[in-house]
Amino acid sequence: MADSFIDKYKSQHQHPLNKLCHMIGVPMITISWPLFFFRWRWALALFATGWILQFVGHAIEGNRPAFFQNPVYFFVAPWWLVQRVARAVGLLPTSSSK
């Protein structure tokens, strides 16, 4: 089931600039959550900038963010990023289907 969410997520993130916006924006949003308790102004800036990047990426791609269809995509995005990085550094095998 998780693979179907990843596959759907990947299908909506094909444009290289959208991928780049997500590679930067998703970590910013993710880091902002725990940071909020220590440096709320920094957290707010990271959170807002990360979301701006998300929406810019989707404007370039010509679609809406996946979380509008299902809130589970809030968690799929960080997992997708972890998989991309793990493949890039050789921790996961690369394949044409993933």
PDB file of N, CA and C in Angstrom:
ATOM      1  N   MET A   1       0.814  -1.195   0.000  1.00  0.00           N
ATOM      2  CA  MET A   1       0.000   0.000   0.000  1.00  0.00           C
ATOM      3  C   MET A   1       0.861   1.264   0.000  1.00  0.00           C
ATOM      4  N   ALA A   2       1.933   1.266   0.773  1.00  0.00           N
ATOM      5  CA  ALA A   2       2.812   2.436   0.804  1.00  0.00           C
ATOM      6  C   ALA A   2       3.401   2.707  -0.569  1.00  0.00           C
ATOM      7  N   ASP A   3       3.731   1.640  -1.307  1.00  0.00           N
ATOM      8  CA  ASP A   3       4.279   1.823  -2.650  1.00  0.00           C
ATOM      9  C   ASP A   3       3.292   2.514  -3.576  1.00  0.00           C
ATOM     10  N   SER A   4       2.000   2.238  -3.422  1.00  0.00           N
ATOM     11  CA  SER A   4       1.010   2.892  -4.286  1.00  0.00           C
ATOM     12  C   SER A   4       0.951   4.392  -4.000  1.00  0.00           C
ATOM     13  N   PHE A   5       1.109   4.784  -2.731  1.00  0.00           N
ATOM     14  CA  PHE A   5       1.157   6.208  -2.410  1.00  0.00           C
ATOM     15  C   PHE A   5       2.412   6.848  -3.006  1.00  0.00           C
ATOM     16  N   ILE A   6       3.535   6.163  -2.893  1.00  0.00           N
ATOM     17  CA  ILE A   6       4.787   6.681  -3.465  1.00  0.00           C
ATOM     18  C   ILE A   6       4.669   6.802  -4.976  1.00  0.00           C
ATOM     19  N   ASP A   7       4.109   5.778  -5.631  1.00  0.00           N
ATOM     20  CA  ASP A   7       3.952   5.814  -7.090  1.00  0.00           C
ATOM     21  C   ASP A   7       3.065   6.978  -7.519  1.00  0.00           C
ATOM     22  N   LYS A   8       1.973   7.190  -6.826  1.00  0.00           N
ATOM     23  CA  LYS A   8       1.073   8.309  -7.133  1.00  0.00           C
ATOM     24  C   LYS A   8       1.796   9.634  -6.899  1.00  0.00           C
ATOM     25  N   TYR A   9       2.536   9.718  -5.810  1.00  0.00           N
ATOM     26  CA  TYR A   9       3.283  10.933  -5.493  1.00  0.00           C
ATOM     27  C   TYR A   9       4.306  11.222  -6.592  1.00  0.00           C
ATOM     28  N   LYS A  10       5.038  10.185  -7.002  1.00  0.00           N
ATOM     29  CA  LYS A  10       6.037  10.352  -8.065  1.00  0.00           C
ATOM     30  C   LYS A  10       5.401  10.823  -9.361  1.00  0.00           C
ATOM     31  N   SER A  11       4.211  10.308  -9.669  1.00  0.00           N
ATOM     32  CA  SER A  11       3.556  10.681 -10.924  1.00  0.00           C
ATOM     33  C   SER A  11       3.183  12.159 -10.955  1.00  0.00           C
ATOM     34  N   GLN A  12       3.028  12.766  -9.801  1.00  0.00           N
ATOM     35  CA  GLN A  12       2.666  14.177  -9.729  1.00  0.00           C
ATOM     36  C   GLN A  12       3.875  15.086  -9.522  1.00  0.00           C
ATOM     37  N   HIS A  13       5.059  14.508  -9.554  1.00  0.00           N
ATOM     38  CA  HIS A  13       6.292  15.265  -9.342  1.00  0.00           C
ATOM     39  C   HIS A  13       7.318  14.849 -10.392  1.00  0.00           C
ATOM     40  N   GLN A  14       7.064  15.217 -11.638  1.00  0.00           N
ATOM     41  CA  GLN A  14       7.923  14.816 -12.743  1.00  0.00           C
ATOM     42  C   GLN A  14       8.868  15.924 -13.205  1.00  0.00           C
ATOM     43  N   HIS A  15       8.434  17.158 -13.122  1.00  0.00           N
ATOM     44  CA  HIS A  15       9.242  18.272 -13.620  1.00  0.00           C
ATOM     45  C   HIS A  15      10.465  18.467 -12.720  1.00  0.00           C
ATOM     46  N   PRO A  16      11.644  18.627 -13.321  1.00  0.00           N
ATOM     47  CA  PRO A  16      12.866  18.781 -12.508  1.00  0.00           C
ATOM     48  C   PRO A  16      12.813  19.959 -11.521  1.00  0.00           C
ATOM     49  N   LEU A  17      12.199  21.063 -11.916  1.00  0.00           N
ATOM     50  CA  LEU A  17      12.120  22.199 -10.988  1.00  0.00           C
ATOM     51  C   LEU A  17      11.154  21.919  -9.837  1.00  0.00           C
ATOM     52  N   ASN A  18      10.091  21.185 -10.105  1.00  0.00           N
ATOM     53  CA  ASN A  18       9.184  20.788  -9.024  1.00  0.00           C
ATOM     54  C   ASN A  18       9.915  19.861  -8.055  1.00  0.00           C
ATOM     55  N   LYS A  19      10.675  18.920  -8.595  1.00  0.00           N
ATOM     56  CA  LYS A  19      11.451  18.021  -7.726  1.00  0.00           C
ATOM     57  C   LYS A  19      12.435  18.817  -6.875  1.00  0.00           C
ATOM     58  N   LEU A  20      13.094  19.796  -7.487  1.00  0.00           N
ATOM     59  CA  LEU A  20      14.049  20.622  -6.746  1.00  0.00           C
ATOM     60  C   LEU A  20      13.347  21.410  -5.637  1.00  0.00           C
ATOM     61  N   CYS A  21      12.201  22.003  -5.961  1.00  0.00           N
ATOM     62  CA  CYS A  21      11.440  22.735  -4.939  1.00  0.00           C
ATOM     63  C   CYS A  21      11.085  21.822  -3.774  1.00  0.00           C
ATOM     64  N   HIS A  22      10.739  20.577  -4.070  1.00  0.00           N
ATOM     65  CA  HIS A  22      10.386  19.632  -3.015  1.00  0.00           C
ATOM     66  C   HIS A  22      11.623  19.150  -2.253  1.00  0.00           C
ATOM     67  N   MET A  23      12.735  18.988  -2.945  1.00  0.00           N
ATOM     68  CA  MET A  23      13.965  18.552  -2.273  1.00  0.00           C
ATOM     69  C   MET A  23      14.422  19.595  -1.247  1.00  0.00           C
ATOM     70  N   ILE A  24      14.086  20.844  -1.490  1.00  0.00           N
ATOM     71  CA  ILE A  24      14.434  21.914  -0.551  1.00  0.00           C
ATOM     72  C   ILE A  24      13.289  22.166   0.437  1.00  0.00           C
ATOM     73  N   GLY A  25      12.069  22.244  -0.072  1.00  0.00           N
ATOM     74  CA  GLY A  25      10.919  22.622   0.751  1.00  0.00           C
ATOM     75  C   GLY A  25      10.484  21.583   1.766  1.00  0.00           C
ATOM     76  N   VAL A  26      10.494  20.304   1.383  1.00  0.00           N
ATOM     77  CA  VAL A  26      10.044  19.253   2.311  1.00  0.00           C
ATOM     78  C   VAL A  26      10.920  19.205   3.568  1.00  0.00           C
ATOM     79  N   PRO A  27      12.253  19.223   3.439  1.00  0.00           N
ATOM     80  CA  PRO A  27      13.062  19.247   4.671  1.00  0.00           C
ATOM     81  C   PRO A  27      12.834  20.510   5.512  1.00  0.00           C
ATOM     82  N   MET A  28      12.615  21.641   4.841  1.00  0.00           N
ATOM     83  CA  MET A  28      12.361  22.871   5.596  1.00  0.00           C
ATOM     84  C   MET A  28      11.104  22.729   6.449  1.00  0.00           C
ATOM     85  N   ILE A  29      10.054  22.187   5.861  1.00  0.00           N
ATOM     86  CA  ILE A  29       8.796  22.003   6.590  1.00  0.00           C
ATOM     87  C   ILE A  29       8.985  20.988   7.713  1.00  0.00           C
ATOM     88  N   THR A  30       9.647  19.889   7.413  1.00  0.00           N
ATOM     89  CA  THR A  30       9.848  18.826   8.400  1.00  0.00           C
ATOM     90  C   THR A  30      10.679  19.318   9.584  1.00  0.00           C
ATOM     91  N   ILE A  31      11.732  20.054   9.305  1.00  0.00           N
ATOM     92  CA  ILE A  31      12.599  20.581  10.366  1.00  0.00           C
ATOM     93  C   ILE A  31      11.866  21.628  11.205  1.00  0.00           C
ATOM     94  N   SER A  32      10.941  22.342  10.586  1.00  0.00           N
ATOM     95  CA  SER A  32      10.239  23.409  11.314  1.00  0.00           C
ATOM     96  C   SER A  32       9.387  22.877  12.466  1.00  0.00           C
ATOM     97  N   TRP A  33       8.886  21.652  12.364  1.00  0.00           N
ATOM     98  CA  TRP A  33       8.003  21.115  13.414  1.00  0.00           C
ATOM     99  C   TRP A  33       8.687  21.053  14.776  1.00  0.00           C
ATOM    100  N   PRO A  34       9.791  20.325  14.922  1.00  0.00           N
ATOM    101  CA  PRO A  34      10.412  20.291  16.258  1.00  0.00           C
ATOM    102  C   PRO A  34      11.084  21.620  16.630  1.00  0.00           C
ATOM    103  N   LEU A  35      11.537  22.361  15.618  1.00  0.00           N
ATOM    104  CA  LEU A  35      12.206  23.627  15.894  1.00  0.00           C
ATOM    105  C   LEU A  35      11.260  24.650  16.523  1.00  0.00           C
ATOM    106  N   PHE A  36       9.978  24.498  16.261  1.00  0.00           N
ATOM    107  CA  PHE A  36       8.987  25.443  16.773  1.00  0.00           C
ATOM    108  C   PHE A  36       9.087  25.627  18.289  1.00  0.00           C
ATOM    109  N   PHE A  37       9.414  24.589  19.006  1.00  0.00           N
ATOM    110  CA  PHE A  37       9.467  24.657  20.465  1.00  0.00           C
ATOM    111  C   PHE A  37      10.700  25.396  20.989  1.00  0.00           C
ATOM    112  N   PHE A  38      11.687  25.590  20.135  1.00  0.00           N
ATOM    113  CA  PHE A  38      12.936  26.218  20.564  1.00  0.00           C
ATOM    114  C   PHE A  38      13.152  27.594  19.937  1.00  0.00           C
ATOM    115  N   ARG A  39      12.828  27.706  18.684  1.00  0.00           N
ATOM    116  CA  ARG A  39      13.024  28.954  17.933  1.00  0.00           C
ATOM    117  C   ARG A  39      11.814  29.168  17.035  1.00  0.00           C
ATOM    118  N   TRP A  40      10.709  29.601  17.581  1.00  0.00           N
ATOM    119  CA  TRP A  40       9.462  29.635  16.828  1.00  0.00           C
ATOM    120  C   TRP A  40       9.529  30.562  15.623  1.00  0.00           C
ATOM    121  N   ARG A  41      10.299  31.638  15.710  1.00  0.00           N
ATOM    122  CA  ARG A  41      10.399  32.545  14.552  1.00  0.00           C
ATOM    123  C   ARG A  41      11.117  31.869  13.393  1.00  0.00           C
ATOM    124  N   TRP A  42      12.201  31.178  13.687  1.00  0.00           N
ATOM    125  CA  TRP A  42      12.907  30.420  12.654  1.00  0.00           C
ATOM    126  C   TRP A  42      12.012  29.321  12.091  1.00  0.00           C
ATOM    127  N   ALA A  43      11.303  28.656  12.980  1.00  0.00           N
ATOM    128  CA  ALA A  43      10.402  27.582  12.548  1.00  0.00           C
ATOM    129  C   ALA A  43       9.327  28.126  11.617  1.00  0.00           C
ATOM    130  N   LEU A  44       8.759  29.247  11.971  1.00  0.00           N
ATOM    131  CA  LEU A  44       7.721  29.847  11.139  1.00  0.00           C
ATOM    132  C   LEU A  44       8.278  30.247   9.772  1.00  0.00           C
ATOM    133  N   ALA A  45       9.481  30.814   9.762  1.00  0.00           N
ATOM    134  CA  ALA A  45      10.109  31.198   8.498  1.00  0.00           C
ATOM    135  C   ALA A  45      10.389  29.972   7.626  1.00  0.00           C
ATOM    136  N   LEU A  46      10.926  28.914   8.226  1.00  0.00           N
ATOM    137  CA  LEU A  46      11.180  27.683   7.473  1.00  0.00           C
ATOM    138  C   LEU A  46       9.882  27.078   6.947  1.00  0.00           C
ATOM    139  N   PHE A  47       8.874  27.028   7.799  1.00  0.00           N
ATOM    140  CA  PHE A  47       7.588  26.449   7.431  1.00  0.00           C
ATOM    141  C   PHE A  47       6.970  27.206   6.251  1.00  0.00           C
ATOM    142  N   ALA A  48       6.922  28.529   6.364  1.00  0.00           N
ATOM    143  CA  ALA A  48       6.312  29.343   5.306  1.00  0.00           C
ATOM    144  C   ALA A  48       7.103  29.254   4.002  1.00  0.00           C
ATOM    145  N   THR A  49       8.416  29.344   4.091  1.00  0.00           N
ATOM    146  CA  THR A  49       9.247  29.260   2.892  1.00  0.00           C
ATOM    147  C   THR A  49       9.134  27.886   2.240  1.00  0.00           C
ATOM    148  N   GLY A  50       9.119  26.849   3.053  1.00  0.00           N
ATOM    149  CA  GLY A  50       8.960  25.498   2.523  1.00  0.00           C
ATOM    150  C   GLY A  50       7.660  25.337   1.765  1.00  0.00           C
ATOM    151  N   TRP A  51       6.569  25.869   2.320  1.00  0.00           N
ATOM    152  CA  TRP A  51       5.276  25.768   1.642  1.00  0.00           C
ATOM    153  C   TRP A  51       5.231  26.614   0.385  1.00  0.00           C
ATOM    154  N   ILE A  52       5.855  27.770   0.413  1.00  0.00           N
ATOM    155  CA  ILE A  52       5.924  28.585  -0.803  1.00  0.00           C
ATOM    156  C   ILE A  52       6.627  27.799  -1.898  1.00  0.00           C
ATOM    157  N   LEU A  53       7.736  27.158  -1.559  1.00  0.00           N
ATOM    158  CA  LEU A  53       8.443  26.335  -2.545  1.00  0.00           C
ATOM    159  C   LEU A  53       7.559  25.208  -3.072  1.00  0.00           C
ATOM    160  N   GLN A  54       6.778  24.584  -2.192  1.00  0.00           N
ATOM    161  CA  GLN A  54       5.872  23.512  -2.619  1.00  0.00           C
ATOM    162  C   GLN A  54       4.885  24.023  -3.666  1.00  0.00           C
ATOM    163  N   PHE A  55       4.278  25.162  -3.387  1.00  0.00           N
ATOM    164  CA  PHE A  55       3.270  25.689  -4.304  1.00  0.00           C
ATOM    165  C   PHE A  55       3.893  26.207  -5.595  1.00  0.00           C
ATOM    166  N   VAL A  56       5.089  26.778  -5.524  1.00  0.00           N
ATOM    167  CA  VAL A  56       5.796  27.176  -6.743  1.00  0.00           C
ATOM    168  C   VAL A  56       6.077  25.942  -7.598  1.00  0.00           C
ATOM    169  N   GLY A  57       6.556  24.882  -6.970  1.00  0.00           N
ATOM    170  CA  GLY A  57       6.826  23.644  -7.702  1.00  0.00           C
ATOM    171  C   GLY A  57       5.591  23.095  -8.380  1.00  0.00           C
ATOM    172  N   HIS A  58       4.475  23.122  -7.683  1.00  0.00           N
ATOM    173  CA  HIS A  58       3.245  22.601  -8.284  1.00  0.00           C
ATOM    174  C   HIS A  58       2.698  23.528  -9.360  1.00  0.00           C
ATOM    175  N   ALA A  59       2.939  24.823  -9.250  1.00  0.00           N
ATOM    176  CA  ALA A  59       2.555  25.737 -10.325  1.00  0.00           C
ATOM    177  C   ALA A  59       3.365  25.418 -11.580  1.00  0.00           C
ATOM    178  N   ILE A  60       4.647  25.136 -11.405  1.00  0.00           N
ATOM    179  CA  ILE A  60       5.500  24.747 -12.532  1.00  0.00           C
ATOM    180  C   ILE A  60       5.019  23.429 -13.128  1.00  0.00           C
ATOM    181  N   GLU A  61       4.692  22.483 -12.270  1.00  0.00           N
ATOM    182  CA  GLU A  61       4.238  21.155 -12.716  1.00  0.00           C
ATOM    183  C   GLU A  61       2.845  21.229 -13.346  1.00  0.00           C
ATOM    184  N   GLY A  62       2.050  22.192 -12.913  1.00  0.00           N
ATOM    185  CA  GLY A  62       0.700  22.338 -13.455  1.00  0.00           C
ATOM    186  C   GLY A  62      -0.331  21.465 -12.760  1.00  0.00           C
ATOM    187  N   ASN A  63      -0.096  21.143 -11.483  1.00  0.00           N
ATOM    188  CA  ASN A  63      -1.070  20.352 -10.730  1.00  0.00           C
ATOM    189  C   ASN A  63      -1.152  20.857  -9.291  1.00  0.00           C
ATOM    190  N   ARG A  64      -2.066  20.273  -8.552  1.00  0.00           N
ATOM    191  CA  ARG A  64      -2.255  20.643  -7.148  1.00  0.00           C
ATOM    192  C   ARG A  64      -1.455  19.703  -6.257  1.00  0.00           C
ATOM    193  N   PRO A  65      -1.048  20.168  -5.080  1.00  0.00           N
ATOM    194  CA  PRO A  65      -0.347  19.278  -4.150  1.00  0.00           C
ATOM    195  C   PRO A  65      -1.181  18.036  -3.829  1.00  0.00           C
ATOM    196  N   ALA A  66      -0.501  16.911  -3.683  1.00  0.00           N
ATOM    197  CA  ALA A  66      -1.170  15.623  -3.461  1.00  0.00           C
ATOM    198  C   ALA A  66      -1.972  15.603  -2.164  1.00  0.00           C
ATOM    199  N   PHE A  67      -1.569  16.379  -1.164  1.00  0.00           N
ATOM    200  CA  PHE A  67      -2.285  16.332   0.115  1.00  0.00           C
ATOM    201  C   PHE A  67      -3.704  16.878  -0.004  1.00  0.00           C
ATOM    202  N   PHE A  68      -4.019  17.597  -1.088  1.00  0.00           N
ATOM    203  CA  PHE A  68      -5.402  18.025  -1.303  1.00  0.00           C
ATOM    204  C   PHE A  68      -6.307  16.826  -1.572  1.00  0.00           C
ATOM    205  N   GLN A  69      -5.724  15.743  -2.096  1.00  0.00           N
ATOM    206  CA  GLN A  69      -6.489  14.529  -2.381  1.00  0.00           C
ATOM    207  C   GLN A  69      -6.587  13.626  -1.160  1.00  0.00           C
ATOM    208  N   ASN A  70      -5.509  13.583  -0.374  1.00  0.00           N
ATOM    209  CA  ASN A  70      -5.477  12.698   0.786  1.00  0.00           C
ATOM    210  C   ASN A  70      -4.414  13.222   1.757  1.00  0.00           C
ATOM    211  N   PRO A  71      -4.782  13.495   2.999  1.00  0.00           N
ATOM    212  CA  PRO A  71      -3.807  14.048   3.947  1.00  0.00           C
ATOM    213  C   PRO A  71      -2.634  13.123   4.257  1.00  0.00           C
ATOM    214  N   VAL A  72      -2.721  11.854   3.901  1.00  0.00           N
ATOM    215  CA  VAL A  72      -1.601  10.935   4.142  1.00  0.00           C
ATOM    216  C   VAL A  72      -0.351  11.391   3.384  1.00  0.00           C
ATOM    217  N   TYR A  73      -0.534  12.197   2.339  1.00  0.00           N
ATOM    218  CA  TYR A  73       0.612  12.661   1.562  1.00  0.00           C
ATOM    219  C   TYR A  73       1.505  13.619   2.350  1.00  0.00           C
ATOM    220  N   PHE A  74       1.022  14.138   3.472  1.00  0.00           N
ATOM    221  CA  PHE A  74       1.910  14.905   4.350  1.00  0.00           C
ATOM    222  C   PHE A  74       3.071  14.029   4.822  1.00  0.00           C
ATOM    223  N   PHE A  75       2.828  12.732   4.962  1.00  0.00           N
ATOM    224  CA  PHE A  75       3.857  11.795   5.413  1.00  0.00           C
ATOM    225  C   PHE A  75       4.569  11.123   4.252  1.00  0.00           C
ATOM    226  N   VAL A  76       3.906  11.050   3.107  1.00  0.00           N
ATOM    227  CA  VAL A  76       4.513  10.431   1.929  1.00  0.00           C
ATOM    228  C   VAL A  76       5.661  11.292   1.414  1.00  0.00           C
ATOM    229  N   ALA A  77       5.497  12.604   1.441  1.00  0.00           N
ATOM    230  CA  ALA A  77       6.537  13.498   0.918  1.00  0.00           C
ATOM    231  C   ALA A  77       7.887  13.298   1.610  1.00  0.00           C
ATOM    232  N   PRO A  78       7.954  13.299   2.943  1.00  0.00           N
ATOM    233  CA  PRO A  78       9.259  13.042   3.572  1.00  0.00           C
ATOM    234  C   PRO A  78       9.800  11.642   3.260  1.00  0.00           C
ATOM    235  N   TRP A  79       8.926  10.651   3.186  1.00  0.00           N
ATOM    236  CA  TRP A  79       9.372   9.289   2.876  1.00  0.00           C
ATOM    237  C   TRP A  79       9.924   9.217   1.457  1.00  0.00           C
ATOM    238  N   TRP A  80       9.272   9.882   0.512  1.00  0.00           N
ATOM    239  CA  TRP A  80       9.743   9.946  -0.870  1.00  0.00           C
ATOM    240  C   TRP A  80      11.144  10.572  -0.912  1.00  0.00           C
ATOM    241  N   LEU A  81      11.332  11.630  -0.143  1.00  0.00           N
ATOM    242  CA  LEU A  81      12.627  12.298  -0.105  1.00  0.00           C
ATOM    243  C   LEU A  81      13.699  11.394   0.496  1.00  0.00           C
ATOM    244  N   VAL A  82      13.373  10.691   1.568  1.00  0.00           N
ATOM    245  CA  VAL A  82      14.324   9.754   2.185  1.00  0.00           C
ATOM    246  C   VAL A  82      14.733   8.687   1.170  1.00  0.00           C
ATOM    247  N   GLN A  83      13.778   8.163   0.424  1.00  0.00           N
ATOM    248  CA  GLN A  83      14.095   7.147  -0.584  1.00  0.00           C
ATOM    249  C   GLN A  83      15.009   7.704  -1.670  1.00  0.00           C
ATOM    250  N   ARG A  84      14.730   8.912  -2.147  1.00  0.00           N
ATOM    251  CA  ARG A  84      15.566   9.532  -3.190  1.00  0.00           C
ATOM    252  C   ARG A  84      17.006   9.708  -2.699  1.00  0.00           C
ATOM    253  N   VAL A  85      17.149  10.205  -1.489  1.00  0.00           N
ATOM    254  CA  VAL A  85      18.491  10.422  -0.940  1.00  0.00           C
ATOM    255  C   VAL A  85      19.193   9.082  -0.725  1.00  0.00           C
ATOM    256  N   ALA A  86      18.478   8.098  -0.198  1.00  0.00           N
ATOM    257  CA  ALA A  86      19.071   6.774   0.034  1.00  0.00           C
ATOM    258  C   ALA A  86      19.545   6.146  -1.273  1.00  0.00           C
ATOM    259  N   ARG A  87      18.786   6.321  -2.340  1.00  0.00           N
ATOM    260  CA  ARG A  87      19.222   5.800  -3.644  1.00  0.00           C
ATOM    261  C   ARG A  87      20.439   6.576  -4.162  1.00  0.00           C
ATOM    262  N   ALA A  88      20.426   7.885  -3.951  1.00  0.00           N
ATOM    263  CA  ALA A  88      21.523   8.722  -4.439  1.00  0.00           C
ATOM    264  C   ALA A  88      22.850   8.378  -3.774  1.00  0.00           C
ATOM    265  N   VAL A  89      22.802   7.966  -2.510  1.00  0.00           N
ATOM    266  CA  VAL A  89      24.042   7.636  -1.799  1.00  0.00           C
ATOM    267  C   VAL A  89      24.327   6.135  -1.787  1.00  0.00           C
ATOM    268  N   GLY A  90      23.493   5.358  -2.491  1.00  0.00           N
ATOM    269  CA  GLY A  90      23.756   3.930  -2.630  1.00  0.00           C
ATOM    270  C   GLY A  90      23.214   3.042  -1.531  1.00  0.00           C
ATOM    271  N   LEU A  91      22.362   3.563  -0.665  1.00  0.00           N
ATOM    272  CA  LEU A  91      21.793   2.739   0.401  1.00  0.00           C
ATOM    273  C   LEU A  91      20.617   1.896  -0.080  1.00  0.00           C
ATOM    274  N   LEU A  92      19.982   2.317  -1.161  1.00  0.00           N
ATOM    275  CA  LEU A  92      18.913   1.545  -1.794  1.00  0.00           C
ATOM    276  C   LEU A  92      19.276   1.345  -3.255  1.00  0.00           C
ATOM    277  N   PRO A  93      18.886   0.218  -3.830  1.00  0.00           N
ATOM    278  CA  PRO A  93      19.179   0.012  -5.250  1.00  0.00           C
ATOM    279  C   PRO A  93      18.350   0.957  -6.114  1.00  0.00           C
ATOM    280  N   THR A  94      18.934   1.397  -7.198  1.00  0.00           N
ATOM    281  CA  THR A  94      18.188   2.219  -8.144  1.00  0.00           C
ATOM    282  C   THR A  94      17.461   1.298  -9.108  1.00  0.00           C
ATOM    283  N   SER A  95      16.295   1.724  -9.514  1.00  0.00           N
ATOM    284  CA  SER A  95      15.541   0.959 -10.503  1.00  0.00           C
ATOM    285  C   SER A  95      14.654   1.914 -11.264  1.00  0.00           C
ATOM    286  N   SER A  96      14.237   1.506 -12.437  1.00  0.00           N
ATOM    287  CA  SER A  96      13.398   2.368 -13.258  1.00  0.00           C
ATOM    288  C   SER A  96      11.991   2.482 -12.702  1.00  0.00           C
ATOM    289  N   SER A  97      11.552   1.504 -11.899  1.00  0.00           N
ATOM    290  CA  SER A  97      10.186   1.535 -11.377  1.00  0.00           C
ATOM    291  C   SER A  97      10.073   2.310 -10.074  1.00  0.00           C
ATOM    292  N   LYS A  98      11.143   2.580  -9.376  1.00  0.00           N
ATOM    293  CA  LYS A  98      11.087   3.293  -8.098  1.00  0.00           C
ATOM    294  C   LYS A  98      11.791   4.583  -8.252  1.00  0.00           C
TER     295      LYS A  98
END
